[in-house]
C-alpha cells in the first residue's frame, strides 16, 4: 500500500470518518483538499532537496503553488489528461468561487482551481501515482524544474 493511501486510510480510521462518494463532492471541495495535498507534495520535495531556513523554503515553495504556476502546469498537461481527469478539471475550473487570488488573473485563478480539483480527486480516489506523475510532468512541461 502506498504511503499517501495509508495516511488517508489512517486519518479516516483515527477520526471515524465515513466513506464518501468522491464523485458527489463539489468541485470546490475537491479543490480545497487538492490545494493542501499539492502543497504538501511541493513542500516535501523542497525540504528533501535542501535543508534551508524556513523563509527560503517558503519562497521556493510559493513559486510552485501560486495560481499562475498551477495554471501554466495544467495548460501544459491538458493533452495528457484522460477524459475523466479532464472532466474533473473542467468542473473545478468552471465552479463559482466566492474568493479571488491576490496576485493572479481571473483566468489563471480558475485554471488553478481546476488543477487543484483534479489533484484532490486523484488523492481521494487513491490514484497517488497518477497524481505525482502529473505534478512532475506539469512542472517539467511548464519549464519550472523543481
N, C-alpha and C. Protein backbone atom coordinates (compact mmCIF):
# COMPACT_ATOMS: atom_id res chain seq x y z
N UNK A 1 0.84 -1.18 0.00
CA UNK A 1 0.00 0.00 0.00
C UNK A 1 0.89 1.24 0.00
N UNK A 2 0.50 2.25 -0.76
CA UNK A 2 1.30 3.47 -0.86
C UNK A 2 1.16 4.30 0.41
N UNK A 3 2.19 5.11 0.67
CA UNK A 3 2.22 5.95 1.88
C UNK A 3 1.00 6.86 1.98
N UNK A 4 0.65 7.57 0.93
CA UNK A 4 -0.45 8.52 0.99
C UNK A 4 -1.78 7.82 1.20
N UNK A 5 -1.96 6.66 0.59
CA UNK A 5 -3.19 5.91 0.80
C UNK A 5 -3.25 5.46 2.25
N UNK A 6 -2.13 5.02 2.79
CA UNK A 6 -2.08 4.63 4.18
C UNK A 6 -2.41 5.83 5.06
N UNK A 7 -1.88 6.98 4.76
CA UNK A 7 -2.17 8.19 5.54
C UNK A 7 -3.66 8.50 5.50
N UNK A 8 -4.25 8.52 4.32
CA UNK A 8 -5.68 8.81 4.19
C UNK A 8 -6.50 7.76 4.93
N UNK A 9 -6.14 6.50 4.78
CA UNK A 9 -6.84 5.43 5.48
C UNK A 9 -6.72 5.61 6.99
N UNK A 10 -5.53 5.92 7.47
CA UNK A 10 -5.31 6.12 8.90
C UNK A 10 -6.11 7.32 9.42
N UNK A 11 -6.16 8.39 8.64
CA UNK A 11 -6.94 9.56 9.04
C UNK A 11 -8.40 9.17 9.19
N UNK A 12 -8.93 8.44 8.20
CA UNK A 12 -10.34 8.02 8.25
C UNK A 12 -10.60 7.13 9.45
N UNK A 13 -9.68 6.20 9.71
CA UNK A 13 -9.85 5.29 10.85
C UNK A 13 -9.75 6.03 12.17
N UNK A 14 -8.73 6.86 12.34
CA UNK A 14 -8.49 7.55 13.60
C UNK A 14 -9.63 8.49 13.97
N UNK A 15 -10.17 9.19 12.97
CA UNK A 15 -11.21 10.18 13.24
C UNK A 15 -12.62 9.67 12.89
N UNK A 16 -12.73 8.36 12.69
CA UNK A 16 -14.03 7.72 12.40
C UNK A 16 -14.77 8.43 11.28
N UNK A 17 -14.09 8.67 10.19
CA UNK A 17 -14.72 9.29 9.02
C UNK A 17 -15.42 8.21 8.20
N UNK A 18 -16.63 8.49 7.82
CA UNK A 18 -17.36 7.56 6.97
C UNK A 18 -16.90 7.73 5.53
N UNK A 19 -16.92 6.66 4.80
CA UNK A 19 -16.57 6.73 3.39
C UNK A 19 -17.58 7.56 2.62
N UNK A 20 -17.13 8.44 1.79
CA UNK A 20 -17.99 9.30 0.98
C UNK A 20 -17.79 8.98 -0.50
N UNK A 21 -18.80 9.24 -1.29
CA UNK A 21 -18.68 9.08 -2.73
C UNK A 21 -17.99 10.33 -3.28
N UNK A 22 -16.76 10.19 -3.68
CA UNK A 22 -15.97 11.33 -4.15
C UNK A 22 -16.63 12.02 -5.33
N UNK A 23 -17.33 11.27 -6.15
CA UNK A 23 -17.99 11.87 -7.32
C UNK A 23 -19.09 12.85 -6.92
N UNK A 24 -19.58 12.73 -5.68
CA UNK A 24 -20.64 13.63 -5.21
C UNK A 24 -20.08 14.92 -4.61
N UNK A 25 -18.77 14.99 -4.40
CA UNK A 25 -18.17 16.19 -3.83
C UNK A 25 -18.26 17.34 -4.82
N UNK A 26 -18.46 18.53 -4.29
CA UNK A 26 -18.45 19.71 -5.15
C UNK A 26 -17.03 19.91 -5.68
N UNK A 27 -16.88 20.54 -6.82
CA UNK A 27 -15.53 20.78 -7.34
C UNK A 27 -14.70 21.66 -6.42
N UNK A 28 -15.35 22.56 -5.67
CA UNK A 28 -14.60 23.41 -4.75
C UNK A 28 -14.13 22.63 -3.53
N UNK A 29 -14.86 21.60 -3.14
CA UNK A 29 -14.39 20.71 -2.07
C UNK A 29 -13.17 19.94 -2.54
N UNK A 30 -13.23 19.44 -3.76
CA UNK A 30 -12.06 18.74 -4.33
C UNK A 30 -10.87 19.69 -4.42
N UNK A 31 -11.12 20.94 -4.83
CA UNK A 31 -10.03 21.92 -4.92
C UNK A 31 -9.45 22.23 -3.55
N UNK A 32 -10.30 22.26 -2.54
CA UNK A 32 -9.85 22.55 -1.17
C UNK A 32 -8.84 21.51 -0.70
N UNK A 33 -9.18 20.23 -0.85
CA UNK A 33 -8.24 19.19 -0.42
C UNK A 33 -7.07 19.10 -1.40
N UNK A 34 -7.34 19.35 -2.68
CA UNK A 34 -6.28 19.31 -3.69
C UNK A 34 -5.21 20.36 -3.47
N UNK A 35 -5.63 21.54 -3.04
CA UNK A 35 -4.69 22.61 -2.72
C UNK A 35 -3.74 22.15 -1.62
N UNK A 36 -4.30 21.53 -0.60
CA UNK A 36 -3.48 21.08 0.53
C UNK A 36 -2.53 19.95 0.16
N UNK A 37 -3.02 18.96 -0.58
CA UNK A 37 -2.17 17.81 -0.92
C UNK A 37 -1.10 18.23 -1.92
N UNK A 38 -1.44 19.11 -2.88
CA UNK A 38 -0.45 19.59 -3.84
C UNK A 38 0.65 20.36 -3.11
N UNK A 39 0.27 21.23 -2.18
CA UNK A 39 1.28 21.99 -1.44
C UNK A 39 2.14 21.06 -0.59
N UNK A 40 1.54 20.01 -0.02
CA UNK A 40 2.32 19.04 0.76
C UNK A 40 3.35 18.34 -0.12
N UNK A 41 2.97 17.98 -1.34
CA UNK A 41 3.92 17.35 -2.26
C UNK A 41 5.07 18.30 -2.56
N UNK A 42 4.77 19.53 -2.91
CA UNK A 42 5.81 20.50 -3.25
C UNK A 42 6.68 20.77 -2.03
N UNK A 43 6.09 20.97 -0.86
CA UNK A 43 6.90 21.20 0.35
C UNK A 43 7.81 20.02 0.63
N UNK A 44 7.29 18.81 0.44
CA UNK A 44 8.09 17.61 0.69
C UNK A 44 9.31 17.57 -0.22
N UNK A 45 9.10 17.87 -1.50
CA UNK A 45 10.22 17.86 -2.45
C UNK A 45 11.23 18.94 -2.09
N UNK A 46 10.75 20.14 -1.79
CA UNK A 46 11.64 21.26 -1.46
C UNK A 46 12.47 20.94 -0.22
N UNK A 47 11.83 20.39 0.80
CA UNK A 47 12.55 20.05 2.03
C UNK A 47 13.56 18.94 1.79
N UNK A 48 13.18 17.95 1.00
CA UNK A 48 14.09 16.83 0.71
C UNK A 48 15.30 17.27 -0.12
N UNK A 49 15.15 18.33 -0.89
CA UNK A 49 16.25 18.78 -1.76
C UNK A 49 17.32 19.57 -1.01
N UNK A 50 16.95 20.24 0.07
CA UNK A 50 17.95 21.04 0.79
C UNK A 50 17.42 21.46 2.16
N UNK A 51 18.31 21.43 3.13
CA UNK A 51 17.98 21.93 4.47
C UNK A 51 18.29 23.42 4.46
N UNK A 52 17.25 24.24 4.48
CA UNK A 52 17.39 25.69 4.38
C UNK A 52 16.59 26.35 5.49
N UNK A 53 16.69 27.65 5.55
CA UNK A 53 15.87 28.39 6.52
C UNK A 53 14.40 28.28 6.09
N UNK A 54 13.52 28.43 7.06
CA UNK A 54 12.09 28.35 6.77
C UNK A 54 11.68 29.40 5.74
N UNK A 55 12.28 30.58 5.81
CA UNK A 55 11.97 31.63 4.85
C UNK A 55 12.36 31.21 3.43
N UNK A 56 13.54 30.62 3.27
CA UNK A 56 13.97 30.15 1.95
C UNK A 56 13.06 29.03 1.44
N UNK A 57 12.68 28.13 2.34
CA UNK A 57 11.78 27.04 1.95
C UNK A 57 10.44 27.61 1.48
N UNK A 58 9.93 28.60 2.19
CA UNK A 58 8.66 29.23 1.83
C UNK A 58 8.75 29.90 0.46
N UNK A 59 9.82 30.64 0.22
CA UNK A 59 9.99 31.33 -1.07
C UNK A 59 10.04 30.33 -2.22
N UNK A 60 10.77 29.24 -2.03
CA UNK A 60 10.91 28.22 -3.08
C UNK A 60 9.55 27.55 -3.34
N UNK A 61 8.84 27.26 -2.26
CA UNK A 61 7.56 26.58 -2.39
C UNK A 61 6.51 27.45 -3.07
N UNK A 62 6.42 28.71 -2.68
CA UNK A 62 5.38 29.57 -3.23
C UNK A 62 5.51 29.76 -4.73
N UNK A 63 6.69 29.61 -5.26
CA UNK A 63 6.88 29.71 -6.71
C UNK A 63 6.04 28.67 -7.46
N UNK A 64 5.81 27.52 -6.82
CA UNK A 64 5.09 26.42 -7.47
C UNK A 64 3.62 26.33 -7.08
N UNK A 65 3.25 26.92 -5.96
CA UNK A 65 1.87 26.77 -5.50
C UNK A 65 0.98 27.97 -5.82
N UNK A 66 1.53 29.02 -6.40
CA UNK A 66 0.74 30.18 -6.79
C UNK A 66 -0.13 29.83 -8.01
N UNK A 67 -1.25 30.52 -8.11
CA UNK A 67 -2.20 30.27 -9.20
C UNK A 67 -1.56 30.35 -10.59
N UNK A 68 -0.71 31.35 -10.90
CA UNK A 68 -0.12 31.38 -12.25
C UNK A 68 0.72 30.13 -12.57
N UNK A 69 1.41 29.59 -11.58
CA UNK A 69 2.22 28.38 -11.80
C UNK A 69 1.31 27.18 -12.04
N UNK A 70 0.27 27.05 -11.23
CA UNK A 70 -0.66 25.94 -11.41
C UNK A 70 -1.38 26.04 -12.75
N UNK A 71 -1.71 27.26 -13.15
CA UNK A 71 -2.37 27.50 -14.43
C UNK A 71 -1.47 27.06 -15.58
N UNK A 72 -0.20 27.42 -15.50
CA UNK A 72 0.75 27.04 -16.56
C UNK A 72 0.90 25.52 -16.61
N UNK A 73 0.93 24.90 -15.45
CA UNK A 73 1.08 23.45 -15.41
C UNK A 73 -0.11 22.74 -16.04
N UNK A 74 -1.33 23.15 -15.69
CA UNK A 74 -2.50 22.46 -16.22
C UNK A 74 -2.65 22.71 -17.72
N UNK A 75 -2.30 23.89 -18.16
CA UNK A 75 -2.34 24.17 -19.61
C UNK A 75 -1.40 23.22 -20.36
N UNK A 76 -0.22 22.99 -19.80
CA UNK A 76 0.75 22.09 -20.42
C UNK A 76 0.30 20.64 -20.34
N UNK A 77 -0.46 20.31 -19.32
CA UNK A 77 -0.89 18.92 -19.09
C UNK A 77 -2.16 18.53 -19.84
N UNK A 78 -2.94 19.48 -20.29
CA UNK A 78 -4.25 19.16 -20.89
C UNK A 78 -4.20 18.03 -21.92
N UNK A 79 -3.23 18.01 -22.83
CA UNK A 79 -3.20 16.91 -23.81
C UNK A 79 -2.92 15.54 -23.18
N UNK A 80 -2.39 15.52 -21.97
CA UNK A 80 -2.02 14.27 -21.30
C UNK A 80 -3.16 13.70 -20.44
N UNK A 81 -4.22 14.48 -20.20
CA UNK A 81 -5.27 14.05 -19.29
C UNK A 81 -6.21 13.04 -19.95
N UNK A 82 -6.72 12.13 -19.13
CA UNK A 82 -7.76 11.22 -19.59
C UNK A 82 -9.07 12.00 -19.67
N UNK A 83 -10.08 11.40 -20.27
CA UNK A 83 -11.39 12.06 -20.35
C UNK A 83 -11.93 12.36 -18.96
N UNK A 84 -11.80 11.38 -18.06
CA UNK A 84 -12.29 11.55 -16.69
C UNK A 84 -11.55 12.69 -15.99
N UNK A 85 -10.23 12.74 -16.13
CA UNK A 85 -9.43 13.79 -15.49
C UNK A 85 -9.79 15.16 -16.06
N UNK A 86 -9.99 15.22 -17.36
CA UNK A 86 -10.35 16.50 -17.97
C UNK A 86 -11.71 16.97 -17.50
N UNK A 87 -12.64 16.04 -17.30
CA UNK A 87 -13.97 16.40 -16.81
C UNK A 87 -13.88 16.96 -15.39
N UNK A 88 -13.06 16.35 -14.54
CA UNK A 88 -12.89 16.85 -13.17
C UNK A 88 -12.25 18.24 -13.22
N UNK A 89 -11.23 18.40 -14.05
CA UNK A 89 -10.57 19.70 -14.20
C UNK A 89 -11.58 20.78 -14.63
N UNK A 90 -12.38 20.47 -15.66
CA UNK A 90 -13.36 21.44 -16.16
C UNK A 90 -14.39 21.81 -15.10
N UNK A 91 -14.84 20.82 -14.32
CA UNK A 91 -15.79 21.12 -13.22
C UNK A 91 -15.17 22.10 -12.24
N UNK A 92 -13.90 21.88 -11.89
CA UNK A 92 -13.22 22.77 -10.96
C UNK A 92 -13.00 24.15 -11.56
N UNK A 93 -12.59 24.18 -12.81
CA UNK A 93 -12.33 25.47 -13.48
C UNK A 93 -13.60 26.29 -13.61
N UNK A 94 -14.71 25.64 -13.84
CA UNK A 94 -15.97 26.35 -14.08
C UNK A 94 -16.78 26.62 -12.81
N UNK A 95 -16.30 26.15 -11.68
CA UNK A 95 -17.04 26.32 -10.43
C UNK A 95 -17.10 27.79 -10.04
N UNK A 96 -18.23 28.19 -9.47
CA UNK A 96 -18.40 29.57 -8.99
C UNK A 96 -17.71 29.70 -7.65
N UNK A 97 -16.62 30.45 -7.63
CA UNK A 97 -15.88 30.66 -6.40
C UNK A 97 -16.20 32.06 -5.87
N UNK A 98 -16.26 32.16 -4.55
CA UNK A 98 -16.57 33.45 -3.95
C UNK A 98 -15.31 34.17 -3.48
N UNK A 99 -14.16 33.62 -3.83
CA UNK A 99 -12.89 34.25 -3.50
C UNK A 99 -12.11 34.47 -4.78
N UNK A 100 -11.12 35.35 -4.72
CA UNK A 100 -10.24 35.58 -5.86
C UNK A 100 -8.80 35.58 -5.37
N UNK A 101 -7.90 35.30 -6.28
CA UNK A 101 -6.48 35.31 -5.93
C UNK A 101 -5.98 36.75 -5.88
N UNK A 102 -5.06 36.98 -4.98
CA UNK A 102 -4.49 38.33 -4.85
C UNK A 102 -3.59 38.69 -6.02
N UNK A 103 -2.80 37.74 -6.45
CA UNK A 103 -1.77 38.03 -7.47
C UNK A 103 -1.94 37.18 -8.72
N UNK A 104 -3.18 37.03 -9.17
CA UNK A 104 -3.42 36.21 -10.36
C UNK A 104 -4.60 36.78 -11.14
N UNK A 105 -4.59 36.54 -12.43
CA UNK A 105 -5.73 36.94 -13.24
C UNK A 105 -6.89 36.00 -12.93
N UNK A 106 -8.09 36.39 -13.31
CA UNK A 106 -9.26 35.55 -13.11
C UNK A 106 -9.08 34.23 -13.86
N UNK A 107 -8.57 34.30 -15.08
CA UNK A 107 -8.37 33.08 -15.88
C UNK A 107 -7.37 32.14 -15.21
N UNK A 108 -6.24 32.68 -14.73
CA UNK A 108 -5.25 31.84 -14.04
C UNK A 108 -5.85 31.22 -12.78
N UNK A 109 -6.61 32.01 -12.03
CA UNK A 109 -7.22 31.54 -10.79
C UNK A 109 -8.19 30.40 -11.07
N UNK A 110 -8.98 30.52 -12.11
CA UNK A 110 -9.96 29.48 -12.45
C UNK A 110 -9.27 28.20 -12.92
N UNK A 111 -8.22 28.35 -13.76
CA UNK A 111 -7.48 27.16 -14.19
C UNK A 111 -6.79 26.50 -13.00
N UNK A 112 -6.25 27.31 -12.08
CA UNK A 112 -5.61 26.77 -10.88
C UNK A 112 -6.62 26.03 -10.01
N UNK A 113 -7.82 26.54 -9.91
CA UNK A 113 -8.87 25.86 -9.15
C UNK A 113 -9.19 24.51 -9.78
N UNK A 114 -9.24 24.47 -11.11
CA UNK A 114 -9.45 23.21 -11.82
C UNK A 114 -8.32 22.22 -11.57
N UNK A 115 -7.08 22.72 -11.59
CA UNK A 115 -5.91 21.89 -11.30
C UNK A 115 -6.01 21.32 -9.89
N UNK A 116 -6.35 22.16 -8.92
CA UNK A 116 -6.45 21.71 -7.53
C UNK A 116 -7.59 20.70 -7.37
N UNK A 117 -8.71 20.89 -8.08
CA UNK A 117 -9.81 19.93 -8.03
C UNK A 117 -9.34 18.58 -8.55
N UNK A 118 -8.57 18.59 -9.62
CA UNK A 118 -8.04 17.34 -10.17
C UNK A 118 -7.10 16.66 -9.17
N UNK A 119 -6.23 17.44 -8.54
CA UNK A 119 -5.32 16.87 -7.53
C UNK A 119 -6.11 16.27 -6.37
N UNK A 120 -7.15 16.96 -5.93
CA UNK A 120 -7.98 16.46 -4.84
C UNK A 120 -8.69 15.17 -5.22
N UNK A 121 -9.21 15.13 -6.42
CA UNK A 121 -9.90 13.95 -6.91
C UNK A 121 -8.95 12.76 -6.96
N UNK A 122 -7.78 12.96 -7.53
CA UNK A 122 -6.82 11.86 -7.64
C UNK A 122 -6.38 11.37 -6.26
N UNK A 123 -6.17 12.30 -5.34
CA UNK A 123 -5.79 11.93 -3.97
C UNK A 123 -6.90 11.12 -3.29
N UNK A 124 -8.11 11.63 -3.34
CA UNK A 124 -9.22 10.97 -2.63
C UNK A 124 -9.63 9.64 -3.26
N UNK A 125 -9.31 9.43 -4.52
CA UNK A 125 -9.62 8.16 -5.17
C UNK A 125 -8.44 7.20 -5.15
N UNK A 126 -7.38 7.57 -4.44
CA UNK A 126 -6.23 6.68 -4.27
C UNK A 126 -5.31 6.59 -5.47
N UNK A 127 -5.45 7.51 -6.41
CA UNK A 127 -4.61 7.50 -7.61
C UNK A 127 -3.34 8.33 -7.38
N UNK A 128 -2.59 7.95 -6.37
CA UNK A 128 -1.44 8.72 -5.93
C UNK A 128 -0.33 8.73 -6.98
N UNK A 129 -0.05 7.58 -7.59
CA UNK A 129 1.00 7.53 -8.61
C UNK A 129 0.66 8.47 -9.77
N UNK A 130 -0.59 8.46 -10.19
CA UNK A 130 -1.02 9.34 -11.29
C UNK A 130 -0.90 10.81 -10.89
N UNK A 131 -1.32 11.12 -9.67
CA UNK A 131 -1.24 12.49 -9.17
C UNK A 131 0.21 12.97 -9.19
N UNK A 132 1.11 12.17 -8.64
CA UNK A 132 2.52 12.56 -8.58
C UNK A 132 3.13 12.68 -9.98
N UNK A 133 2.75 11.77 -10.88
CA UNK A 133 3.28 11.85 -12.25
C UNK A 133 2.80 13.12 -12.95
N UNK A 134 1.54 13.48 -12.77
CA UNK A 134 1.03 14.71 -13.38
C UNK A 134 1.73 15.94 -12.80
N UNK A 135 1.98 15.96 -11.52
CA UNK A 135 2.69 17.08 -10.91
C UNK A 135 4.09 17.18 -11.49
N UNK A 136 4.79 16.07 -11.54
CA UNK A 136 6.15 16.05 -12.09
C UNK A 136 6.16 16.47 -13.55
N UNK A 137 5.26 15.91 -14.35
CA UNK A 137 5.20 16.26 -15.77
C UNK A 137 4.79 17.71 -15.97
N UNK A 138 3.84 18.19 -15.17
CA UNK A 138 3.39 19.57 -15.28
C UNK A 138 4.50 20.56 -15.01
N UNK A 139 5.30 20.28 -14.00
CA UNK A 139 6.43 21.15 -13.68
C UNK A 139 7.43 21.16 -14.83
N UNK A 140 7.70 19.99 -15.36
CA UNK A 140 8.66 19.88 -16.47
C UNK A 140 8.11 20.55 -17.73
N UNK A 141 6.88 20.24 -18.10
CA UNK A 141 6.30 20.79 -19.33
C UNK A 141 6.12 22.29 -19.28
N UNK A 142 5.91 22.83 -18.09
CA UNK A 142 5.75 24.29 -17.93
C UNK A 142 7.11 24.98 -17.79
N UNK A 143 8.18 24.20 -17.84
CA UNK A 143 9.53 24.79 -17.76
C UNK A 143 9.87 25.34 -16.39
N UNK A 144 9.38 24.69 -15.35
CA UNK A 144 9.60 25.18 -13.99
C UNK A 144 10.35 24.16 -13.14
N UNK A 145 11.37 23.53 -13.69
CA UNK A 145 12.06 22.46 -12.97
C UNK A 145 12.24 22.76 -11.50
N UNK A 146 11.93 21.78 -10.68
CA UNK A 146 11.97 21.93 -9.23
C UNK A 146 13.37 21.62 -8.70
